[in-house]
Amino acid sequence: MFPRLRSWIFAQKPSVDEIKRPHSHQQIMPSLEEIKEALKIEKVAHFDETGMRVLGKLHWVHVASTLGLTYYDVHERRGQIGMRDIGILPEFTGRAIHDHFKSYLQFKNCLHFRFR
């Protein structure tokens, strides 16, 4: 389903130098976009976020996942702004499973279920 990503991950074990090369990100972008689009039409997906430091400044790792798909993105914002900019949750119409962080509940296009 995502041949570019599969070939990039499994065809070789990338070295640190390979990962740092600017073109590496460009090579997997089409596959990442495919994953985002596929997540938008799933019936059930889990959403979460966690903090991390980027150059000493707090950022947020947002994740959307199913049993077969996972998408990570890093954004400077935790809440609705980050979620909207990433673009999965605003178009998601299935069942969203999450921790009921208030920002998730602002998206009225999906059903919300609390993960404990």
PDB file of N, CA and C in Angstrom:
ATOM      1  N   MET A   1       0.813  -1.195   0.000  1.00  0.00           N
ATOM      2  CA  MET A   1       0.000   0.000   0.000  1.00  0.00           C
ATOM      3  C   MET A   1       0.862   1.266   0.000  1.00  0.00           C
ATOM      4  N   PHE A   2       1.985   1.229   0.680  1.00  0.00           N
ATOM      5  CA  PHE A   2       2.863   2.381   0.747  1.00  0.00           C
ATOM      6  C   PHE A   2       4.253   1.958   0.279  1.00  0.00           C
ATOM      7  N   PRO A   3       4.392   1.679  -1.004  1.00  0.00           N
ATOM      8  CA  PRO A   3       5.646   1.096  -1.504  1.00  0.00           C
ATOM      9  C   PRO A   3       6.875   1.955  -1.270  1.00  0.00           C
ATOM     10  N   ARG A   4       6.751   3.274  -1.388  1.00  0.00           N
ATOM     11  CA  ARG A   4       7.930   4.124  -1.196  1.00  0.00           C
ATOM     12  C   ARG A   4       8.443   4.017   0.240  1.00  0.00           C
ATOM     13  N   LEU A   5       7.520   4.055   1.190  1.00  0.00           N
ATOM     14  CA  LEU A   5       7.915   3.971   2.594  1.00  0.00           C
ATOM     15  C   LEU A   5       8.469   2.589   2.913  1.00  0.00           C
ATOM     16  N   ARG A   6       7.799   1.534   2.437  1.00  0.00           N
ATOM     17  CA  ARG A   6       8.281   0.174   2.694  1.00  0.00           C
ATOM     18  C   ARG A   6       9.678  -0.024   2.133  1.00  0.00           C
ATOM     19  N   SER A   7       9.897   0.434   0.912  1.00  0.00           N
ATOM     20  CA  SER A   7      11.220   0.228   0.319  1.00  0.00           C
ATOM     21  C   SER A   7      12.272   1.038   1.055  1.00  0.00           C
ATOM     22  N   TRP A   8      11.912   2.219   1.521  1.00  0.00           N
ATOM     23  CA  TRP A   8      12.875   3.030   2.248  1.00  0.00           C
ATOM     24  C   TRP A   8      13.227   2.395   3.580  1.00  0.00           C
ATOM     25  N   ILE A   9      12.245   1.816   4.267  1.00  0.00           N
ATOM     26  CA  ILE A   9      12.492   1.215   5.578  1.00  0.00           C
ATOM     27  C   ILE A   9      13.172  -0.141   5.464  1.00  0.00           C
ATOM     28  N   PHE A  10      12.698  -1.003   4.587  1.00  0.00           N
ATOM     29  CA  PHE A  10      13.153  -2.388   4.577  1.00  0.00           C
ATOM     30  C   PHE A  10      14.265  -2.690   3.572  1.00  0.00           C
ATOM     31  N   ALA A  11      14.444  -1.874   2.571  1.00  0.00           N
ATOM     32  CA  ALA A  11      15.467  -2.178   1.567  1.00  0.00           C
ATOM     33  C   ALA A  11      16.874  -1.980   2.118  1.00  0.00           C
ATOM     34  N   GLN A  12      17.004  -1.141   3.098  1.00  0.00           N
ATOM     35  CA  GLN A  12      18.322  -0.895   3.681  1.00  0.00           C
ATOM     36  C   GLN A  12      18.154  -0.368   5.095  1.00  0.00           C
ATOM     37  N   LYS A  13      19.168  -0.554   5.886  1.00  0.00           N
ATOM     38  CA  LYS A  13      19.185   0.029   7.219  1.00  0.00           C
ATOM     39  C   LYS A  13      19.842   1.395   7.074  1.00  0.00           C
ATOM     40  N   PRO A  14      19.064   2.466   7.215  1.00  0.00           N
ATOM     41  CA  PRO A  14      19.668   3.786   6.992  1.00  0.00           C
ATOM     42  C   PRO A  14      20.673   4.154   8.074  1.00  0.00           C
ATOM     43  N   SER A  15      21.760   4.758   7.656  1.00  0.00           N
ATOM     44  CA  SER A  15      22.762   5.244   8.601  1.00  0.00           C
ATOM     45  C   SER A  15      22.336   6.614   9.122  1.00  0.00           C
ATOM     46  N   VAL A  16      23.001   7.071  10.155  1.00  0.00           N
ATOM     47  CA  VAL A  16      22.710   8.397  10.699  1.00  0.00           C
ATOM     48  C   VAL A  16      22.929   9.455   9.620  1.00  0.00           C
ATOM     49  N   ASP A  17      23.995   9.304   8.840  1.00  0.00           N
ATOM     50  CA  ASP A  17      24.264  10.266   7.768  1.00  0.00           C
ATOM     51  C   ASP A  17      23.142  10.285   6.738  1.00  0.00           C
ATOM     52  N   GLU A  18      22.604   9.110   6.423  1.00  0.00           N
ATOM     53  CA  GLU A  18      21.496   9.025   5.452  1.00  0.00           C
ATOM     54  C   GLU A  18      20.260   9.738   5.980  1.00  0.00           C
ATOM     55  N   ILE A  19      19.962   9.552   7.238  1.00  0.00           N
ATOM     56  CA  ILE A  19      18.780  10.186   7.829  1.00  0.00           C
ATOM     57  C   ILE A  19      18.943  11.701   7.855  1.00  0.00           C
ATOM     58  N   LYS A  20      20.161  12.185   8.056  1.00  0.00           N
ATOM     59  CA  LYS A  20      20.416  13.626   8.124  1.00  0.00           C
ATOM     60  C   LYS A  20      20.386  14.300   6.755  1.00  0.00           C
ATOM     61  N   ARG A  21      20.515  13.528   5.697  1.00  0.00           N
ATOM     62  CA  ARG A  21      20.536  14.123   4.364  1.00  0.00           C
ATOM     63  C   ARG A  21      19.183  14.758   4.050  1.00  0.00           C
ATOM     64  N   PRO A  22      19.187  15.945   3.463  1.00  0.00           N
ATOM     65  CA  PRO A  22      17.937  16.651   3.185  1.00  0.00           C
ATOM     66  C   PRO A  22      16.983  15.861   2.280  1.00  0.00           C
ATOM     67  N   HIS A  23      17.497  15.074   1.359  1.00  0.00           N
ATOM     68  CA  HIS A  23      16.619  14.382   0.414  1.00  0.00           C
ATOM     69  C   HIS A  23      15.867  13.213   1.055  1.00  0.00           C
ATOM     70  N   SER A  24      16.329  12.713   2.198  1.00  0.00           N
ATOM     71  CA  SER A  24      15.650  11.586   2.840  1.00  0.00           C
ATOM     72  C   SER A  24      14.219  11.938   3.185  1.00  0.00           C
ATOM     73  N   HIS A  25      14.017  13.113   3.729  1.00  0.00           N
ATOM     74  CA  HIS A  25      12.675  13.568   4.069  1.00  0.00           C
ATOM     75  C   HIS A  25      11.813  13.684   2.812  1.00  0.00           C
ATOM     76  N   GLN A  26      12.382  14.199   1.755  1.00  0.00           N
ATOM     77  CA  GLN A  26      11.648  14.346   0.499  1.00  0.00           C
ATOM     78  C   GLN A  26      11.252  12.996  -0.083  1.00  0.00           C
ATOM     79  N   GLN A  27      12.083  11.988   0.106  1.00  0.00           N
ATOM     80  CA  GLN A  27      11.788  10.666  -0.437  1.00  0.00           C
ATOM     81  C   GLN A  27      10.585  10.015   0.233  1.00  0.00           C
ATOM     82  N   ILE A  28      10.407  10.248   1.525  1.00  0.00           N
ATOM     83  CA  ILE A  28       9.297   9.577   2.205  1.00  0.00           C
ATOM     84  C   ILE A  28       8.032  10.435   2.280  1.00  0.00           C
ATOM     85  N   MET A  29       8.095  11.705   1.904  1.00  0.00           N
ATOM     86  CA  MET A  29       6.917  12.577   1.990  1.00  0.00           C
ATOM     87  C   MET A  29       5.699  12.026   1.249  1.00  0.00           C
ATOM     88  N   PRO A  30       5.841  11.501   0.042  1.00  0.00           N
ATOM     89  CA  PRO A  30       4.644  10.963  -0.622  1.00  0.00           C
ATOM     90  C   PRO A  30       3.986   9.833   0.187  1.00  0.00           C
ATOM     91  N   SER A  31       4.780   8.988   0.794  1.00  0.00           N
ATOM     92  CA  SER A  31       4.225   7.905   1.604  1.00  0.00           C
ATOM     93  C   SER A  31       3.570   8.442   2.868  1.00  0.00           C
ATOM     94  N   LEU A  32       4.164   9.446   3.479  1.00  0.00           N
ATOM     95  CA  LEU A  32       3.556  10.052   4.664  1.00  0.00           C
ATOM     96  C   LEU A  32       2.209  10.676   4.322  1.00  0.00           C
ATOM     97  N   GLU A  33       2.115  11.306   3.178  1.00  0.00           N
ATOM     98  CA  GLU A  33       0.838  11.882   2.743  1.00  0.00           C
ATOM     99  C   GLU A  33      -0.203  10.783   2.491  1.00  0.00           C
ATOM    100  N   GLU A  34       0.227   9.659   1.952  1.00  0.00           N
ATOM    101  CA  GLU A  34      -0.688   8.526   1.756  1.00  0.00           C
ATOM    102  C   GLU A  34      -1.220   8.024   3.098  1.00  0.00           C
ATOM    103  N   ILE A  35      -0.354   7.951   4.083  1.00  0.00           N
ATOM    104  CA  ILE A  35      -0.765   7.506   5.420  1.00  0.00           C
ATOM    105  C   ILE A  35      -1.778   8.490   6.009  1.00  0.00           C
ATOM    106  N   LYS A  36      -1.507   9.775   5.901  1.00  0.00           N
ATOM    107  CA  LYS A  36      -2.445  10.784   6.409  1.00  0.00           C
ATOM    108  C   LYS A  36      -3.812  10.642   5.753  1.00  0.00           C
ATOM    109  N   GLU A  37      -3.828  10.512   4.445  1.00  0.00           N
ATOM    110  CA  GLU A  37      -5.102  10.390   3.725  1.00  0.00           C
ATOM    111  C   GLU A  37      -5.837   9.114   4.109  1.00  0.00           C
ATOM    112  N   ALA A  38      -5.105   8.030   4.292  1.00  0.00           N
ATOM    113  CA  ALA A  38      -5.733   6.762   4.692  1.00  0.00           C
ATOM    114  C   ALA A  38      -6.314   6.855   6.095  1.00  0.00           C
ATOM    115  N   LEU A  39      -5.628   7.532   7.010  1.00  0.00           N
ATOM    116  CA  LEU A  39      -6.134   7.686   8.373  1.00  0.00           C
ATOM    117  C   LEU A  39      -7.429   8.492   8.408  1.00  0.00           C
ATOM    118  N   LYS A  40      -7.558   9.464   7.546  1.00  0.00           N
ATOM    119  CA  LYS A  40      -8.747  10.311   7.524  1.00  0.00           C
ATOM    120  C   LYS A  40     -10.028   9.525   7.257  1.00  0.00           C
ATOM    121  N   ILE A  41      -9.916   8.396   6.561  1.00  0.00           N
ATOM    122  CA  ILE A  41     -11.120   7.635   6.196  1.00  0.00           C
ATOM    123  C   ILE A  41     -11.284   6.343   7.000  1.00  0.00           C
ATOM    124  N   GLU A  42     -10.443   6.136   8.004  1.00  0.00           N
ATOM    125  CA  GLU A  42     -10.585   4.964   8.868  1.00  0.00           C
ATOM    126  C   GLU A  42     -11.845   5.085   9.719  1.00  0.00           C
ATOM    127  N   LYS A  43     -12.393   3.944  10.118  1.00  0.00           N
ATOM    128  CA  LYS A  43     -13.593   3.939  10.964  1.00  0.00           C
ATOM    129  C   LYS A  43     -13.264   4.243  12.417  1.00  0.00           C
ATOM    130  N   VAL A  44     -12.073   3.824  12.870  1.00  0.00           N
ATOM    131  CA  VAL A  44     -11.638   4.030  14.254  1.00  0.00           C
ATOM    132  C   VAL A  44     -10.158   4.395  14.233  1.00  0.00           C
ATOM    133  N   ALA A  45      -9.793   5.415  15.004  1.00  0.00           N
ATOM    134  CA  ALA A  45      -8.383   5.786  15.112  1.00  0.00           C
ATOM    135  C   ALA A  45      -8.113   6.350  16.505  1.00  0.00           C
ATOM    136  N   HIS A  46      -6.879   6.175  16.943  1.00  0.00           N
ATOM    137  CA  HIS A  46      -6.441   6.690  18.243  1.00  0.00           C
ATOM    138  C   HIS A  46      -5.624   7.952  18.009  1.00  0.00           C
ATOM    139  N   PHE A  47      -5.845   8.953  18.846  1.00  0.00           N
ATOM    140  CA  PHE A  47      -5.119  10.222  18.745  1.00  0.00           C
ATOM    141  C   PHE A  47      -4.484  10.534  20.093  1.00  0.00           C
ATOM    142  N   ASP A  48      -3.268  11.056  20.063  1.00  0.00           N
ATOM    143  CA  ASP A  48      -2.584  11.405  21.302  1.00  0.00           C
ATOM    144  C   ASP A  48      -1.508  12.435  20.992  1.00  0.00           C
ATOM    145  N   GLU A  49      -0.950  13.001  22.041  1.00  0.00           N
ATOM    146  CA  GLU A  49       0.148  13.951  21.897  1.00  0.00           C
ATOM    147  C   GLU A  49       1.010  13.877  23.147  1.00  0.00           C
ATOM    148  N   THR A  50       2.282  14.162  22.964  1.00  0.00           N
ATOM    149  CA  THR A  50       3.211  14.184  24.093  1.00  0.00           C
ATOM    150  C   THR A  50       4.278  15.237  23.816  1.00  0.00           C
ATOM    151  N   GLY A  51       4.802  15.820  24.859  1.00  0.00           N
ATOM    152  CA  GLY A  51       5.800  16.867  24.706  1.00  0.00           C
ATOM    153  C   GLY A  51       7.187  16.325  24.437  1.00  0.00           C
ATOM    154  N   MET A  52       7.978  17.131  23.733  1.00  0.00           N
ATOM    155  CA  MET A  52       9.387  16.830  23.501  1.00  0.00           C
ATOM    156  C   MET A  52      10.121  18.143  23.256  1.00  0.00           C
ATOM    157  N   ARG A  53      11.398  18.137  23.488  1.00  0.00           N
ATOM    158  CA  ARG A  53      12.210  19.332  23.273  1.00  0.00           C
ATOM    159  C   ARG A  53      12.809  19.313  21.868  1.00  0.00           C
ATOM    160  N   VAL A  54      12.716  20.441  21.195  1.00  0.00           N
ATOM    161  CA  VAL A  54      13.346  20.639  19.896  1.00  0.00           C
ATOM    162  C   VAL A  54      14.197  21.891  20.039  1.00  0.00           C
ATOM    163  N   LEU A  55      15.501  21.717  19.979  1.00  0.00           N
ATOM    164  CA  LEU A  55      16.446  22.814  20.159  1.00  0.00           C
ATOM    165  C   LEU A  55      16.156  23.579  21.450  1.00  0.00           C
ATOM    166  N   GLY A  56      15.829  22.824  22.511  1.00  0.00           N
ATOM    167  CA  GLY A  56      15.601  23.398  23.820  1.00  0.00           C
ATOM    168  C   GLY A  56      14.216  23.966  24.059  1.00  0.00           C
ATOM    169  N   LYS A  57      13.357  23.956  23.048  1.00  0.00           N
ATOM    170  CA  LYS A  57      12.015  24.522  23.166  1.00  0.00           C
ATOM    171  C   LYS A  57      10.975  23.405  23.150  1.00  0.00           C
ATOM    172  N   LEU A  58       9.943  23.525  24.000  1.00  0.00           N
ATOM    173  CA  LEU A  58       8.897  22.519  24.062  1.00  0.00           C
ATOM    174  C   LEU A  58       8.075  22.498  22.780  1.00  0.00           C
ATOM    175  N   HIS A  59       7.957  21.327  22.194  1.00  0.00           N
ATOM    176  CA  HIS A  59       7.101  21.066  21.036  1.00  0.00           C
ATOM    177  C   HIS A  59       6.219  19.871  21.394  1.00  0.00           C
ATOM    178  N   TRP A  60       5.326  19.504  20.492  1.00  0.00           N
ATOM    179  CA  TRP A  60       4.413  18.392  20.752  1.00  0.00           C
ATOM    180  C   TRP A  60       4.467  17.388  19.614  1.00  0.00           C
ATOM    181  N   VAL A  61       4.606  16.119  19.988  1.00  0.00           N
ATOM    182  CA  VAL A  61       4.525  15.028  19.022  1.00  0.00           C
ATOM    183  C   VAL A  61       3.071  14.590  19.010  1.00  0.00           C
ATOM    184  N   HIS A  62       2.428  14.763  17.878  1.00  0.00           N
ATOM    185  CA  HIS A  62       1.043  14.338  17.695  1.00  0.00           C
ATOM    186  C   HIS A  62       1.071  13.000  16.971  1.00  0.00           C
ATOM    187  N   VAL A  63       0.205  12.093  17.389  1.00  0.00           N
ATOM    188  CA  VAL A  63       0.131  10.790  16.740  1.00  0.00           C
ATOM    189  C   VAL A  63      -1.315  10.458  16.422  1.00  0.00           C
ATOM    190  N   ALA A  64      -1.512   9.867  15.264  1.00  0.00           N
ATOM    191  CA  ALA A  64      -2.798   9.298  14.862  1.00  0.00           C
ATOM    192  C   ALA A  64      -2.480   7.872  14.433  1.00  0.00           C
ATOM    193  N   SER A  65      -3.247   6.899  14.923  1.00  0.00           N
ATOM    194  CA  SER A  65      -2.900   5.521  14.599  1.00  0.00           C
ATOM    195  C   SER A  65      -4.114   4.605  14.576  1.00  0.00           C
ATOM    196  N   THR A  66      -3.937   3.502  13.852  1.00  0.00           N
ATOM    197  CA  THR A  66      -4.862   2.376  13.837  1.00  0.00           C
ATOM    198  C   THR A  66      -3.989   1.139  14.028  1.00  0.00           C
ATOM    199  N   LEU A  67      -4.585  -0.040  13.902  1.00  0.00           N
ATOM    200  CA  LEU A  67      -3.765  -1.253  13.990  1.00  0.00           C
ATOM    201  C   LEU A  67      -2.735  -1.327  12.862  1.00  0.00           C
ATOM    202  N   GLY A  68      -3.059  -0.761  11.710  1.00  0.00           N
ATOM    203  CA  GLY A  68      -2.168  -0.885  10.558  1.00  0.00           C
ATOM    204  C   GLY A  68      -1.462   0.379  10.120  1.00  0.00           C
ATOM    205  N   LEU A  69      -1.825   1.525  10.692  1.00  0.00           N
ATOM    206  CA  LEU A  69      -1.254   2.801  10.262  1.00  0.00           C
ATOM    207  C   LEU A  69      -0.836   3.631  11.470  1.00  0.00           C
ATOM    208  N   THR A  70       0.268   4.330  11.338  1.00  0.00           N
ATOM    209  CA  THR A  70       0.696   5.263  12.380  1.00  0.00           C
ATOM    210  C   THR A  70       1.300   6.480  11.707  1.00  0.00           C
ATOM    211  N   TYR A  71       0.887   7.650  12.181  1.00  0.00           N
ATOM    212  CA  TYR A  71       1.427   8.899  11.661  1.00  0.00           C
ATOM    213  C   TYR A  71       1.862   9.774  12.832  1.00  0.00           C
ATOM    214  N   TYR A  72       3.107  10.222  12.804  1.00  0.00           N
ATOM    215  CA  TYR A  72       3.644  11.133  13.807  1.00  0.00           C
ATOM    216  C   TYR A  72       3.947  12.471  13.137  1.00  0.00           C
ATOM    217  N   ASP A  73       3.711  13.540  13.878  1.00  0.00           N
ATOM    218  CA  ASP A  73       4.109  14.859  13.401  1.00  0.00           C
ATOM    219  C   ASP A  73       4.494  15.695  14.615  1.00  0.00           C
ATOM    220  N   VAL A  74       5.468  16.566  14.455  1.00  0.00           N
ATOM    221  CA  VAL A  74       5.910  17.442  15.535  1.00  0.00           C
ATOM    222  C   VAL A  74       5.421  18.849  15.227  1.00  0.00           C
ATOM    223  N   HIS A  75       4.830  19.481  16.232  1.00  0.00           N
ATOM    224  CA  HIS A  75       4.285  20.832  16.058  1.00  0.00           C
ATOM    225  C   HIS A  75       4.610  21.660  17.301  1.00  0.00           C
ATOM    226  N   GLU A  76       4.732  22.941  17.127  1.00  0.00           N
ATOM    227  CA  GLU A  76       5.002  23.826  18.261  1.00  0.00           C
ATOM    228  C   GLU A  76       3.818  23.926  19.217  1.00  0.00           C
ATOM    229  N   ARG A  77       2.630  23.594  18.752  1.00  0.00           N
ATOM    230  CA  ARG A  77       1.425  23.745  19.559  1.00  0.00           C
ATOM    231  C   ARG A  77       0.814  22.393  19.898  1.00  0.00           C
ATOM    232  N   ARG A  78       0.241  22.295  21.091  1.00  0.00           N
ATOM    233  CA  ARG A  78      -0.361  21.055  21.559  1.00  0.00           C
ATOM    234  C   ARG A  78      -1.809  20.909  21.115  1.00  0.00           C
ATOM    235  N   GLY A  79      -2.593  21.931  21.221  1.00  0.00           N
ATOM    236  CA  GLY A  79      -4.038  21.843  21.070  1.00  0.00           C
ATOM    237  C   GLY A  79      -4.543  21.935  19.654  1.00  0.00           C
ATOM    238  N   GLN A  80      -5.690  22.610  19.544  1.00  0.00           N
ATOM    239  CA  GLN A  80      -6.409  22.688  18.278  1.00  0.00           C
ATOM    240  C   GLN A  80      -5.566  23.218  17.129  1.00  0.00           C
ATOM    241  N   ILE A  81      -4.717  24.180  17.391  1.00  0.00           N
ATOM    242  CA  ILE A  81      -3.907  24.747  16.303  1.00  0.00           C
ATOM    243  C   ILE A  81      -3.008  23.673  15.713  1.00  0.00           C
ATOM    244  N   GLY A  82      -2.302  22.935  16.568  1.00  0.00           N
ATOM    245  CA  GLY A  82      -1.457  21.850  16.084  1.00  0.00           C
ATOM    246  C   GLY A  82      -2.261  20.781  15.363  1.00  0.00           C
ATOM    247  N   MET A  83      -3.392  20.398  15.938  1.00  0.00           N
ATOM    248  CA  MET A  83      -4.243  19.365  15.338  1.00  0.00           C
ATOM    249  C   MET A  83      -4.766  19.804  13.973  1.00  0.00           C
ATOM    250  N   ARG A  84      -5.182  21.060  13.877  1.00  0.00           N
ATOM    251  CA  ARG A  84      -5.678  21.573  12.587  1.00  0.00           C
ATOM    252  C   ARG A  84      -4.555  21.631  11.548  1.00  0.00           C
ATOM    253  N   ASP A  85      -3.394  22.126  11.958  1.00  0.00           N
ATOM    254  CA  ASP A  85      -2.281  22.239  11.013  1.00  0.00           C
ATOM    255  C   ASP A  85      -1.847  20.876  10.482  1.00  0.00           C
ATOM    256  N   ILE A  86      -1.865  19.865  11.321  1.00  0.00           N
ATOM    257  CA  ILE A  86      -1.481  18.518  10.886  1.00  0.00           C
ATOM    258  C   ILE A  86      -2.508  17.975   9.903  1.00  0.00           C
ATOM    259  N   GLY A  87      -3.788  18.243  10.167  1.00  0.00           N
ATOM    260  CA  GLY A  87      -4.805  18.012   9.155  1.00  0.00           C
ATOM    261  C   GLY A  87      -5.531  16.683   9.127  1.00  0.00           C
ATOM    262  N   ILE A  88      -5.287  15.800  10.056  1.00  0.00           N
ATOM    263  CA  ILE A  88      -6.009  14.529  10.044  1.00  0.00           C
ATOM    264  C   ILE A  88      -7.336  14.667  10.773  1.00  0.00           C
ATOM    265  N   LEU A  89      -7.301  15.085  12.004  1.00  0.00           N
ATOM    266  CA  LEU A  89      -8.504  15.153  12.832  1.00  0.00           C
ATOM    267  C   LEU A  89      -9.591  16.071  12.274  1.00  0.00           C
ATOM    268  N   PRO A  90      -9.266  17.204  11.662  1.00  0.00           N
ATOM    269  CA  PRO A  90     -10.333  18.045  11.113  1.00  0.00           C
ATOM    270  C   PRO A  90     -11.169  17.362  10.033  1.00  0.00           C
ATOM    271  N   GLU A  91     -10.613  16.364   9.358  1.00  0.00           N
ATOM    272  CA  GLU A  91     -11.334  15.667   8.292  1.00  0.00           C
ATOM    273  C   GLU A  91     -11.782  14.264   8.696  1.00  0.00           C
ATOM    274  N   PHE A  92     -11.422  13.837   9.879  1.00  0.00           N
ATOM    275  CA  PHE A  92     -11.733  12.485  10.344  1.00  0.00           C
ATOM    276  C   PHE A  92     -13.211  12.411  10.736  1.00  0.00           C
ATOM    277  N   THR A  93     -13.926  11.403  10.242  1.00  0.00           N
ATOM    278  CA  THR A  93     -15.357  11.273  10.533  1.00  0.00           C
ATOM    279  C   THR A  93     -15.706   9.978  11.260  1.00  0.00           C
ATOM    280  N   GLY A  94     -14.717   9.225  11.651  1.00  0.00           N
ATOM    281  CA  GLY A  94     -14.960   7.956  12.344  1.00  0.00           C
ATOM    282  C   GLY A  94     -15.052   8.132  13.851  1.00  0.00           C
ATOM    283  N   ARG A  95     -14.629   7.095  14.548  1.00  0.00           N
ATOM    284  CA  ARG A  95     -14.603   7.109  16.017  1.00  0.00           C
ATOM    285  C   ARG A  95     -13.194   7.475  16.469  1.00  0.00           C
ATOM    286  N   ALA A  96     -13.078   8.597  17.150  1.00  0.00           N
ATOM    287  CA  ALA A  96     -11.783   9.091  17.629  1.00  0.00           C
ATOM    288  C   ALA A  96     -11.599   8.669  19.084  1.00  0.00           C
ATOM    289  N   ILE A  97     -10.576   7.884  19.332  1.00  0.00           N
ATOM    290  CA  ILE A  97     -10.273   7.431  20.691  1.00  0.00           C
ATOM    291  C   ILE A  97      -9.095   8.259  21.195  1.00  0.00           C
ATOM    292  N   HIS A  98      -9.272   8.868  22.373  1.00  0.00           N
ATOM    293  CA  HIS A  98      -8.240   9.742  22.919  1.00  0.00           C
ATOM    294  C   HIS A  98      -8.478   9.941  24.407  1.00  0.00           C
ATOM    295  N   ASP A  99      -7.657  10.769  25.022  1.00  0.00           N
ATOM    296  CA  ASP A  99      -7.740  10.987  26.468  1.00  0.00           C
ATOM    297  C   ASP A  99      -8.741  12.068  26.878  1.00  0.00           C
ATOM    298  N   HIS A 100      -9.529  12.533  25.956  1.00  0.00           N
ATOM    299  CA  HIS A 100     -10.531  13.585  26.164  1.00  0.00           C
ATOM    300  C   HIS A 100      -9.918  14.929  26.529  1.00  0.00           C
ATOM    301  N   PHE A 101      -8.679  15.148  26.112  1.00  0.00           N
ATOM    302  CA  PHE A 101      -8.095  16.485  26.198  1.00  0.00           C
ATOM    303  C   PHE A 101      -9.070  17.414  25.480  1.00  0.00           C
ATOM    304  N   LYS A 102      -9.395  18.521  26.100  1.00  0.00           N
ATOM    305  CA  LYS A 102     -10.460  19.416  25.641  1.00  0.00           C
ATOM    306  C   LYS A 102     -10.379  19.761  24.146  1.00  0.00           C
ATOM    307  N   SER A 103      -9.185  19.937  23.628  1.00  0.00           N
ATOM    308  CA  SER A 103      -9.030  20.321  22.217  1.00  0.00           C
ATOM    309  C   SER A 103      -9.607  19.287  21.254  1.00  0.00           C
ATOM    310  N   TYR A 104      -9.529  18.020  21.592  1.00  0.00           N
ATOM    311  CA  TYR A 104     -10.088  16.989  20.712  1.00  0.00           C
ATOM    312  C   TYR A 104     -11.586  17.175  20.536  1.00  0.00           C
ATOM    313  N   LEU A 105     -12.260  17.549  21.617  1.00  0.00           N
ATOM    314  CA  LEU A 105     -13.719  17.623  21.614  1.00  0.00           C
ATOM    315  C   LEU A 105     -14.253  18.770  20.765  1.00  0.00           C
ATOM    316  N   GLN A 106     -13.392  19.657  20.323  1.00  0.00           N
ATOM    317  CA  GLN A 106     -13.815  20.758  19.453  1.00  0.00           C
ATOM    318  C   GLN A 106     -14.093  20.291  18.035  1.00  0.00           C
ATOM    319  N   PHE A 107     -13.636  19.102  17.694  1.00  0.00           N
ATOM    320  CA  PHE A 107     -13.862  18.557  16.352  1.00  0.00           C
ATOM    321  C   PHE A 107     -15.179  17.783  16.369  1.00  0.00           C
ATOM    322  N   LYS A 108     -16.186  18.373  15.780  1.00  0.00           N
ATOM    323  CA  LYS A 108     -17.556  17.837  15.848  1.00  0.00           C
ATOM    324  C   LYS A 108     -17.872  16.857  14.723  1.00  0.00           C
ATOM    325  N   ASN A 109     -16.952  16.640  13.812  1.00  0.00           N
ATOM    326  CA  ASN A 109     -17.181  15.784  12.653  1.00  0.00           C
ATOM    327  C   ASN A 109     -17.000  14.301  12.950  1.00  0.00           C
ATOM    328  N   CYS A 110     -16.602  13.956  14.175  1.00  0.00           N
ATOM    329  CA  CYS A 110     -16.373  12.553  14.530  1.00  0.00           C
ATOM    330  C   CYS A 110     -16.983  12.259  15.894  1.00  0.00           C
ATOM    331  N   LEU A 111     -17.093  10.974  16.206  1.00  0.00           N
ATOM    332  CA  LEU A 111     -17.542  10.551  17.530  1.00  0.00           C
ATOM    333  C   LEU A 111     -16.325  10.406  18.428  1.00  0.00           C
ATOM    334  N   HIS A 112     -16.437  10.825  19.667  1.00  0.00           N
ATOM    335  CA  HIS A 112     -15.313  10.813  20.595  1.00  0.00           C
ATOM    336  C   HIS A 112     -15.500   9.749  21.672  1.00  0.00           C
ATOM    337  N   PHE A 113     -14.450   8.970  21.893  1.00  0.00           N
ATOM    338  CA  PHE A 113     -14.449   7.931  22.926  1.00  0.00           C
ATOM    339  C   PHE A 113     -13.218   8.119  23.782  1.00  0.00           C
ATOM    340  N   ARG A 114     -13.398   7.964  25.074  1.00  0.00           N
ATOM    341  CA  ARG A 114     -12.297   8.167  26.011  1.00  0.00           C
ATOM    342  C   ARG A 114     -11.463   6.899  26.139  1.00  0.00           C
ATOM    343  N   PHE A 115     -10.146   7.081  26.044  1.00  0.00           N
ATOM    344  CA  PHE A 115      -9.196   5.999  26.266  1.00  0.00           C
ATOM    345  C   PHE A 115      -8.697   6.120  27.690  1.00  0.00           C
ATOM    346  N   ARG A 116      -8.724   5.015  28.425  1.00  0.00           N
ATOM    347  CA  ARG A 116      -8.235   5.040  29.815  1.00  0.00           C
ATOM    348  C   ARG A 116      -6.975   4.240  29.954  1.00  0.00           C
TER     349      ARG A 116
END
